[in-house]
PDB file of N, CA and C in Angstrom:
ATOM      1  N   MET A   1     137.405 117.654  84.317  1.00  0.00           N
ATOM      2  CA  MET A   1     136.132 117.269  83.729  1.00  0.00           C
ATOM      3  C   MET A   1     136.518 116.916  82.181  1.00  0.00           C
ATOM      4  N   GLY A   2     136.198 115.848  81.789  1.00  0.00           N
ATOM      5  CA  GLY A   2     136.731 115.365  80.465  1.00  0.00           C
ATOM      6  C   GLY A   2     135.816 115.854  79.425  1.00  0.00           C
ATOM      7  N   PHE A   3     136.236 115.419  78.298  1.00  0.00           N
ATOM      8  CA  PHE A   3     135.491 115.774  76.936  1.00  0.00           C
ATOM      9  C   PHE A   3     133.870 115.237  77.116  1.00  0.00           C
ATOM     10  N   LEU A   4     133.820 114.083  77.479  1.00  0.00           N
ATOM     11  CA  LEU A   4     132.497 113.409  77.477  1.00  0.00           C
ATOM     12  C   LEU A   4     131.598 113.947  78.492  1.00  0.00           C
ATOM     13  N   ASP A   5     132.141 114.340  79.672  1.00  0.00           N
ATOM     14  CA  ASP A   5     131.401 115.105  80.661  1.00  0.00           C
ATOM     15  C   ASP A   5     130.863 116.416  80.184  1.00  0.00           C
ATOM     16  N   ARG A   6     131.586 117.201  79.384  1.00  0.00           N
ATOM     17  CA  ARG A   6     131.168 118.335  78.795  1.00  0.00           C
ATOM     18  C   ARG A   6     130.062 118.135  77.654  1.00  0.00           C
ATOM     19  N   PHE A   7     130.404 117.295  77.013  1.00  0.00           N
ATOM     20  CA  PHE A   7     129.433 116.792  75.919  1.00  0.00           C
ATOM     21  C   PHE A   7     128.054 116.082  76.288  1.00  0.00           C
ATOM     22  N   LEU A   8     128.177 115.093  77.290  1.00  0.00           N
ATOM     23  CA  LEU A   8     127.092 114.582  77.802  1.00  0.00           C
ATOM     24  C   LEU A   8     126.281 115.199  79.088  1.00  0.00           C
ATOM     25  N   GLY A   9     126.830 115.879  79.835  1.00  0.00           N
ATOM     26  CA  GLY A   9     126.461 116.450  80.971  1.00  0.00           C
ATOM     27  C   GLY A   9     126.949 115.733  82.051  1.00  0.00           C
ATOM     28  N   ASN A  10     126.248 116.105  83.216  1.00  0.00           N
ATOM     29  CA  ASN A  10     126.599 115.811  84.427  1.00  0.00           C
ATOM     30  C   ASN A  10     125.835 114.431  84.768  1.00  0.00           C
ATOM     31  N   ASP A  11     126.592 113.507  85.114  1.00  0.00           N
ATOM     32  CA  ASP A  11     125.702 112.097  85.391  1.00  0.00           C
ATOM     33  C   ASP A  11     124.974 112.222  86.661  1.00  0.00           C
ATOM     34  N   GLN A  12     125.248 112.905  87.696  1.00  0.00           N
ATOM     35  CA  GLN A  12     124.269 112.982  88.674  1.00  0.00           C
ATOM     36  C   GLN A  12     122.995 113.734  88.463  1.00  0.00           C
ATOM     37  N   GLN A  13     123.177 114.661  87.805  1.00  0.00           N
ATOM     38  CA  GLN A  13     121.985 115.426  87.206  1.00  0.00           C
ATOM     39  C   GLN A  13     120.916 114.634  86.341  1.00  0.00           C
ATOM     40  N   ARG A  14     121.543 113.861  85.516  1.00  0.00           N
ATOM     41  CA  ARG A  14     120.893 113.079  84.747  1.00  0.00           C
ATOM     42  C   ARG A  14     120.223 111.879  85.490  1.00  0.00           C
ATOM     43  N   ALA A  15     121.003 111.550  86.406  1.00  0.00           N
ATOM     44  CA  ALA A  15     120.377 110.089  87.320  1.00  0.00           C
ATOM     45  C   ALA A  15     119.182 110.809  88.289  1.00  0.00           C
ATOM     46  N   ALA A  16     119.249 112.010  88.621  1.00  0.00           N
ATOM     47  CA  ALA A  16     118.377 112.713  89.421  1.00  0.00           C
ATOM     48  C   ALA A  16     117.065 112.738  88.892  1.00  0.00           C
ATOM     49  N   GLN A  17     117.023 112.993  87.482  1.00  0.00           N
ATOM     50  CA  GLN A  17     115.622 113.165  86.880  1.00  0.00           C
ATOM     51  C   GLN A  17     114.898 111.778  86.638  1.00  0.00           C
ATOM     52  N   TYR A  18     115.729 110.671  86.885  1.00  0.00           N
ATOM     53  CA  TYR A  18     115.221 109.383  86.729  1.00  0.00           C
ATOM     54  C   TYR A  18     114.865 108.689  88.203  1.00  0.00           C
ATOM     55  N   ALA A  19     115.175 109.432  89.179  1.00  0.00           N
ATOM     56  CA  ALA A  19     115.045 108.832  90.668  1.00  0.00           C
ATOM     57  C   ALA A  19     113.625 108.416  90.794  1.00  0.00           C
ATOM     58  N   GLY A  20     113.229 107.311  91.294  1.00  0.00           N
ATOM     59  CA  GLY A  20     111.924 106.636  91.708  1.00  0.00           C
ATOM     60  C   GLY A  20     111.473 106.037  90.710  1.00  0.00           C
ATOM     61  N   ARG A  21     111.889 106.100  89.491  1.00  0.00           N
ATOM     62  CA  ARG A  21     111.439 105.235  88.349  1.00  0.00           C
ATOM     63  C   ARG A  21     111.933 103.832  88.310  1.00  0.00           C
ATOM     64  N   GLU A  22     111.287 102.866  87.658  1.00  0.00           N
ATOM     65  CA  GLU A  22     111.771 101.346  87.496  1.00  0.00           C
ATOM     66  C   GLU A  22     112.923 101.591  86.482  1.00  0.00           C
ATOM     67  N   SER A  23     114.019 100.714  86.819  1.00  0.00           N
ATOM     68  CA  SER A  23     115.025 100.628  85.786  1.00  0.00           C
ATOM     69  C   SER A  23     114.734  99.860  84.714  1.00  0.00           C
ATOM     70  N   ALA A  24     115.413  99.922  83.704  1.00  0.00           N
ATOM     71  CA  ALA A  24     115.190  99.018  82.469  1.00  0.00           C
ATOM     72  C   ALA A  24     115.227  97.507  82.635  1.00  0.00           C
ATOM     73  N   SER A  25     116.315  97.310  83.476  1.00  0.00           N
ATOM     74  CA  SER A  25     116.595  95.942  83.631  1.00  0.00           C
ATOM     75  C   SER A  25     115.548  95.330  84.593  1.00  0.00           C
ATOM     76  N   ASP A  26     115.068  95.967  85.729  1.00  0.00           N
ATOM     77  CA  ASP A  26     114.241  95.700  86.393  1.00  0.00           C
ATOM     78  C   ASP A  26     112.766  95.356  85.713  1.00  0.00           C
ATOM     79  N   ARG A  27     112.515  96.168  84.728  1.00  0.00           N
ATOM     80  CA  ARG A  27     111.238  95.993  83.921  1.00  0.00           C
ATOM     81  C   ARG A  27     111.539  94.778  83.206  1.00  0.00           C
ATOM     82  N   ALA A  28     112.379  94.597  82.523  1.00  0.00           N
ATOM     83  CA  ALA A  28     112.663  93.398  81.587  1.00  0.00           C
ATOM     84  C   ALA A  28     112.576  92.146  82.499  1.00  0.00           C
ATOM     85  N   ALA A  29     113.240  92.150  83.750  1.00  0.00           N
ATOM     86  CA  ALA A  29     113.023  90.961  84.695  1.00  0.00           C
ATOM     87  C   ALA A  29     111.586  90.745  84.896  1.00  0.00           C
ATOM     88  N   ARG A  30     110.861  91.839  85.254  1.00  0.00           N
ATOM     89  CA  ARG A  30     109.457  91.577  85.663  1.00  0.00           C
ATOM     90  C   ARG A  30     108.777  91.098  84.451  1.00  0.00           C
ATOM     91  N   GLN A  31     108.916  91.618  83.257  1.00  0.00           N
ATOM     92  CA  GLN A  31     108.201  91.063  82.117  1.00  0.00           C
ATOM     93  C   GLN A  31     108.447  89.393  81.838  1.00  0.00           C
ATOM     94  N   ARG A  32     109.849  89.155  82.088  1.00  0.00           N
ATOM     95  CA  ARG A  32     110.149  87.773  81.830  1.00  0.00           C
ATOM     96  C   ARG A  32     109.437  86.921  82.823  1.00  0.00           C
ATOM     97  N   ARG A  33     109.443  87.308  84.043  1.00  0.00           N
ATOM     98  CA  ARG A  33     108.677  86.559  85.152  1.00  0.00           C
ATOM     99  C   ARG A  33     107.125  86.430  84.733  1.00  0.00           C
ATOM    100  N   THR A  34     106.614  87.476  84.170  1.00  0.00           N
ATOM    101  CA  THR A  34     105.204  87.476  83.954  1.00  0.00           C
ATOM    102  C   THR A  34     104.779  86.616  82.806  1.00  0.00           C
ATOM    103  N   GLY A  35     105.644  86.620  81.696  1.00  0.00           N
ATOM    104  CA  GLY A  35     105.639  85.633  80.485  1.00  0.00           C
ATOM    105  C   GLY A  35     105.831  84.364  80.957  1.00  0.00           C
ATOM    106  N   HIS A  36     106.758  83.959  81.723  1.00  0.00           N
ATOM    107  CA  HIS A  36     106.837  82.582  82.360  1.00  0.00           C
ATOM    108  C   HIS A  36     105.681  82.150  83.022  1.00  0.00           C
ATOM    109  N   ARG A  37     105.154  82.840  83.980  1.00  0.00           N
ATOM    110  CA  ARG A  37     103.940  82.514  84.528  1.00  0.00           C
ATOM    111  C   ARG A  37     102.772  82.241  83.571  1.00  0.00           C
ATOM    112  N   ARG A  38     102.768  82.936  82.479  1.00  0.00           N
ATOM    113  CA  ARG A  38     101.563  82.978  81.659  1.00  0.00           C
ATOM    114  C   ARG A  38     101.751  81.690  80.769  1.00  0.00           C
ATOM    115  N   SER A  39     102.866  81.471  80.415  1.00  0.00           N
ATOM    116  CA  SER A  39     103.106  80.160  79.735  1.00  0.00           C
ATOM    117  C   SER A  39     103.149  78.930  80.346  1.00  0.00           C
ATOM    118  N   ALA A  40     103.445  78.994  81.788  1.00  0.00           N
ATOM    119  CA  ALA A  40     103.385  77.617  82.603  1.00  0.00           C
ATOM    120  C   ALA A  40     101.789  77.659  82.780  1.00  0.00           C
ATOM    121  N   THR A  41     100.988  78.602  82.968  1.00  0.00           N
ATOM    122  CA  THR A  41      99.532  78.505  83.056  1.00  0.00           C
ATOM    123  C   THR A  41      98.892  77.813  81.927  1.00  0.00           C
ATOM    124  N   LYS A  42      99.258  78.210  80.858  1.00  0.00           N
ATOM    125  CA  LYS A  42      98.852  77.792  79.388  1.00  0.00           C
ATOM    126  C   LYS A  42      99.268  76.327  79.533  1.00  0.00           C
ATOM    127  N   ALA A  43     100.354  75.968  79.626  1.00  0.00           N
ATOM    128  CA  ALA A  43     100.692  74.611  79.599  1.00  0.00           C
ATOM    129  C   ALA A  43      99.970  73.630  80.542  1.00  0.00           C
ATOM    130  N   ALA A  44      99.739  74.038  81.899  1.00  0.00           N
ATOM    131  CA  ALA A  44      99.028  73.445  82.753  1.00  0.00           C
ATOM    132  C   ALA A  44      97.656  73.210  82.429  1.00  0.00           C
ATOM    133  N   ARG A  45      96.982  74.205  81.745  1.00  0.00           N
ATOM    134  CA  ARG A  45      95.658  74.120  81.256  1.00  0.00           C
ATOM    135  C   ARG A  45      95.648  72.923  79.908  1.00  0.00           C
ATOM    136  N   GLN A  46      96.456  73.020  79.096  1.00  0.00           N
ATOM    137  CA  GLN A  46      96.494  72.090  78.050  1.00  0.00           C
ATOM    138  C   GLN A  46      96.833  70.703  78.628  1.00  0.00           C
ATOM    139  N   GLY A  47      97.586  70.393  79.644  1.00  0.00           N
ATOM    140  CA  GLY A  47      97.863  69.154  80.359  1.00  0.00           C
ATOM    141  C   GLY A  47      96.435  68.747  80.894  1.00  0.00           C
ATOM    142  N   GLN A  48      95.817  69.541  81.505  1.00  0.00           N
ATOM    143  CA  GLN A  48      94.642  69.317  82.335  1.00  0.00           C
ATOM    144  C   GLN A  48      93.435  68.822  81.167  1.00  0.00           C
ATOM    145  N   ALA A  49      93.483  69.518  80.120  1.00  0.00           N
ATOM    146  CA  ALA A  49      92.573  69.136  79.046  1.00  0.00           C
ATOM    147  C   ALA A  49      92.788  67.852  78.515  1.00  0.00           C
ATOM    148  N   TRP A  50      94.168  67.535  78.314  1.00  0.00           N
ATOM    149  CA  TRP A  50      94.694  66.089  77.923  1.00  0.00           C
ATOM    150  C   TRP A  50      94.200  65.092  78.780  1.00  0.00           C
ATOM    151  N   GLU A  51      94.332  65.286  80.051  1.00  0.00           N
ATOM    152  CA  GLU A  51      93.928  64.231  81.216  1.00  0.00           C
ATOM    153  C   GLU A  51      92.531  64.064  81.156  1.00  0.00           C
ATOM    154  N   ASP A  52      91.761  65.204  80.978  1.00  0.00           N
ATOM    155  CA  ASP A  52      90.116  65.124  81.110  1.00  0.00           C
ATOM    156  C   ASP A  52      89.927  64.355  79.827  1.00  0.00           C
ATOM    157  N   GLN A  53      90.392  64.456  78.724  1.00  0.00           N
ATOM    158  CA  GLN A  53      90.032  63.817  77.562  1.00  0.00           C
ATOM    159  C   GLN A  53      90.425  62.300  77.661  1.00  0.00           C
ATOM    160  N   ASP A  54      91.516  62.108  78.379  1.00  0.00           N
ATOM    161  CA  ASP A  54      92.030  60.621  78.258  1.00  0.00           C
ATOM    162  C   ASP A  54      91.100  59.838  79.203  1.00  0.00           C
ATOM    163  N   ARG A  55      90.661  60.431  80.422  1.00  0.00           N
ATOM    164  CA  ARG A  55      89.897  59.825  81.374  1.00  0.00           C
ATOM    165  C   ARG A  55      88.458  59.565  80.785  1.00  0.00           C
ATOM    166  N   ALA A  56      88.027  60.609  79.978  1.00  0.00           N
ATOM    167  CA  ALA A  56      86.578  60.488  79.239  1.00  0.00           C
ATOM    168  C   ALA A  56      86.695  59.078  78.441  1.00  0.00           C
ATOM    169  N   GLN A  57      87.795  59.023  77.716  1.00  0.00           N
ATOM    170  CA  GLN A  57      87.918  57.783  76.739  1.00  0.00           C
ATOM    171  C   GLN A  57      87.933  56.455  77.543  1.00  0.00           C
ATOM    172  N   ASP A  58      88.806  56.516  78.629  1.00  0.00           N
ATOM    173  CA  ASP A  58      88.872  55.354  79.374  1.00  0.00           C
ATOM    174  C   ASP A  58      87.410  54.918  80.104  1.00  0.00           C
ATOM    175  N   SER A  59      86.594  55.851  80.473  1.00  0.00           N
ATOM    176  CA  SER A  59      85.277  55.491  80.750  1.00  0.00           C
ATOM    177  C   SER A  59      84.309  55.005  79.942  1.00  0.00           C
ATOM    178  N   LYS A  60      84.738  55.015  78.459  1.00  0.00           N
ATOM    179  CA  LYS A  60      83.783  54.413  77.570  1.00  0.00           C
ATOM    180  C   LYS A  60      83.995  52.998  77.484  1.00  0.00           C
ATOM    181  N   GLY A  61      84.986  52.426  77.899  1.00  0.00           N
ATOM    182  CA  GLY A  61      85.126  50.948  78.007  1.00  0.00           C
ATOM    183  C   GLY A  61      86.509  50.708  77.281  1.00  0.00           C
ATOM    184  N   ILE A  62      86.693  49.247  77.392  1.00  0.00           N
ATOM    185  CA  ILE A  62      88.154  48.976  76.693  1.00  0.00           C
ATOM    186  C   ILE A  62      88.117  48.719  75.286  1.00  0.00           C
ATOM    187  N   TRP A  63      87.005  48.638  74.562  1.00  0.00           N
ATOM    188  CA  TRP A  63      86.867  48.311  73.210  1.00  0.00           C
ATOM    189  C   TRP A  63      86.425  49.531  72.596  1.00  0.00           C
ATOM    190  N   TYR A  64      86.611  50.661  73.309  1.00  0.00           N
ATOM    191  CA  TYR A  64      86.120  52.077  72.549  1.00  0.00           C
ATOM    192  C   TYR A  64      87.379  52.336  71.709  1.00  0.00           C
ATOM    193  N   ARG A  65      86.995  52.749  70.373  1.00  0.00           N
ATOM    194  CA  ARG A  65      87.949  53.274  69.368  1.00  0.00           C
ATOM    195  C   ARG A  65      87.660  54.541  68.903  1.00  0.00           C
ATOM    196  N   PRO A  66      88.142  55.690  68.964  1.00  0.00           N
ATOM    197  CA  PRO A  66      87.718  56.891  68.239  1.00  0.00           C
ATOM    198  C   PRO A  66      87.511  56.893  66.843  1.00  0.00           C
ATOM    199  N   ALA A  67      86.544  57.573  66.107  1.00  0.00           N
ATOM    200  CA  ALA A  67      86.358  57.453  64.685  1.00  0.00           C
ATOM    201  C   ALA A  67      87.567  58.337  64.119  1.00  0.00           C
ATOM    202  N   ARG A  68      88.079  58.006  63.034  1.00  0.00           N
ATOM    203  CA  ARG A  68      89.129  58.601  62.347  1.00  0.00           C
ATOM    204  C   ARG A  68      88.739  59.757  61.546  1.00  0.00           C
TER     205      ARG A  68
END
């Protein structure tokens, strides 16, 4: 048994107390995936809003020019 084992304790005992819990790396990966989905949905909504606005302007006629 080395110095660190005496100082920090038994690794197996410490690991046993965290059994069944989500690891920090798994949690971070889950949050990254969730954030990506959220930003992708936001971008899709913005793109759809632009498309709707563009189609609305096209339906007003060829000479329609929005006021500045």
